[in-house]
């Protein structure tokens, strides 16, 4: 069972989303979550193994400084950057 409808409802109920980390189970789920965030106008970035180290570091920095509201990850943060 997918949790995407629940995520959609949760995002609708939140007034101000900041410093939110969403872990995805794989690339397909990440793409679906990214689509939902984009449709809602939520600023986000992603960290996956496909990005270069510098890009991952930039994504984390933008997240820490609040330039993006949500950071998507596919368990790469468990492994380190």
Protein backbone atom coordinates (compact mmCIF):
# COMPACT_ATOMS: atom_id res chain seq x y z
CA UNK A 1 0.00 0.00 0.00
CA UNK A 2 1.35 3.38 -0.95
CA UNK A 3 1.53 6.24 1.53
CA UNK A 4 1.43 8.93 -1.16
CA UNK A 5 -2.26 9.84 -0.64
CA UNK A 6 -1.53 10.29 3.08
CA UNK A 7 1.46 12.51 2.26
CA UNK A 8 -0.72 14.58 -0.05
CA UNK A 9 -3.33 15.10 2.71
CA UNK A 10 -0.65 15.84 5.31
CA UNK A 11 0.91 18.51 3.12
CA UNK A 12 -2.52 20.07 2.56
CA UNK A 13 -3.07 20.32 6.30
CA UNK A 14 0.24 22.06 7.04
CA UNK A 15 0.44 25.84 6.92
CA UNK A 16 4.20 26.27 6.95
CA UNK A 17 6.57 23.51 5.95
CA UNK A 18 10.21 24.01 6.94
CA UNK A 19 13.17 21.72 7.44
CA UNK A 20 11.30 18.56 6.52
CA UNK A 21 13.19 15.41 5.53
CA UNK A 22 11.37 12.74 3.52
CA UNK A 23 12.96 9.33 3.02
CA UNK A 24 11.85 7.45 -0.08
CA UNK A 25 12.15 3.72 -0.67
CA UNK A 26 13.54 4.12 -4.20
CA UNK A 27 13.78 6.27 -7.31
CA UNK A 28 10.19 5.68 -8.39
CA UNK A 29 8.78 6.79 -5.06
CA UNK A 30 11.12 9.79 -5.01
CA UNK A 31 9.84 10.87 -8.43
CA UNK A 32 6.23 10.59 -7.25
CA UNK A 33 6.89 12.56 -4.07
CA UNK A 34 8.79 15.20 -6.06
CA UNK A 35 5.80 15.55 -8.39
CA UNK A 36 3.45 16.10 -5.43
CA UNK A 37 5.77 18.71 -3.90
CA UNK A 38 6.16 20.49 -7.23
CA UNK A 39 2.40 20.60 -7.79
CA UNK A 40 1.95 22.16 -4.35
CA UNK A 41 4.66 24.76 -4.98
CA UNK A 42 6.88 23.46 -2.18
CA UNK A 43 10.59 24.16 -2.62
CA UNK A 44 12.59 20.96 -2.36
CA UNK A 45 15.87 19.36 -3.25
CA UNK A 46 16.98 15.75 -3.38
CA UNK A 47 19.97 13.69 -2.42
CA UNK A 48 20.57 10.41 -4.21
CA UNK A 49 23.57 8.35 -5.18
CA UNK A 50 23.21 9.75 -8.71
CA UNK A 51 24.29 13.25 -7.65
CA UNK A 52 27.91 14.27 -7.40
CA UNK A 53 29.31 14.84 -3.90
CA UNK A 54 29.41 18.60 -4.48
CA UNK A 55 25.73 18.61 -5.53
CA UNK A 56 24.77 16.63 -2.43
CA UNK A 57 26.67 19.06 -0.22
CA UNK A 58 24.96 22.02 -1.94
CA UNK A 59 21.56 20.40 -1.40
CA UNK A 60 22.29 19.95 2.31
CA UNK A 61 23.53 23.53 2.63
CA UNK A 62 20.41 24.92 0.93
CA UNK A 63 18.28 22.80 3.26
CA UNK A 64 20.16 23.93 6.38
CA UNK A 65 19.88 27.60 5.39
CA UNK A 66 16.17 27.25 4.66
CA UNK A 67 16.39 27.94 0.92
CA UNK A 68 14.42 24.74 0.36
CA UNK A 69 11.63 23.50 2.61
CA UNK A 70 11.96 19.77 2.01
CA UNK A 71 14.88 17.44 1.40
CA UNK A 72 14.15 14.13 -0.34
CA UNK A 73 16.51 11.22 0.12
CA UNK A 74 16.82 7.58 -0.82
CA UNK A 75 18.56 6.37 2.33
CA UNK A 76 21.86 7.89 1.18
CA UNK A 77 22.04 9.93 4.37
CA UNK A 78 22.33 6.64 6.26
CA UNK A 79 25.51 5.90 4.33
CA UNK A 80 27.11 9.34 4.62
CA UNK A 81 28.03 11.88 2.03
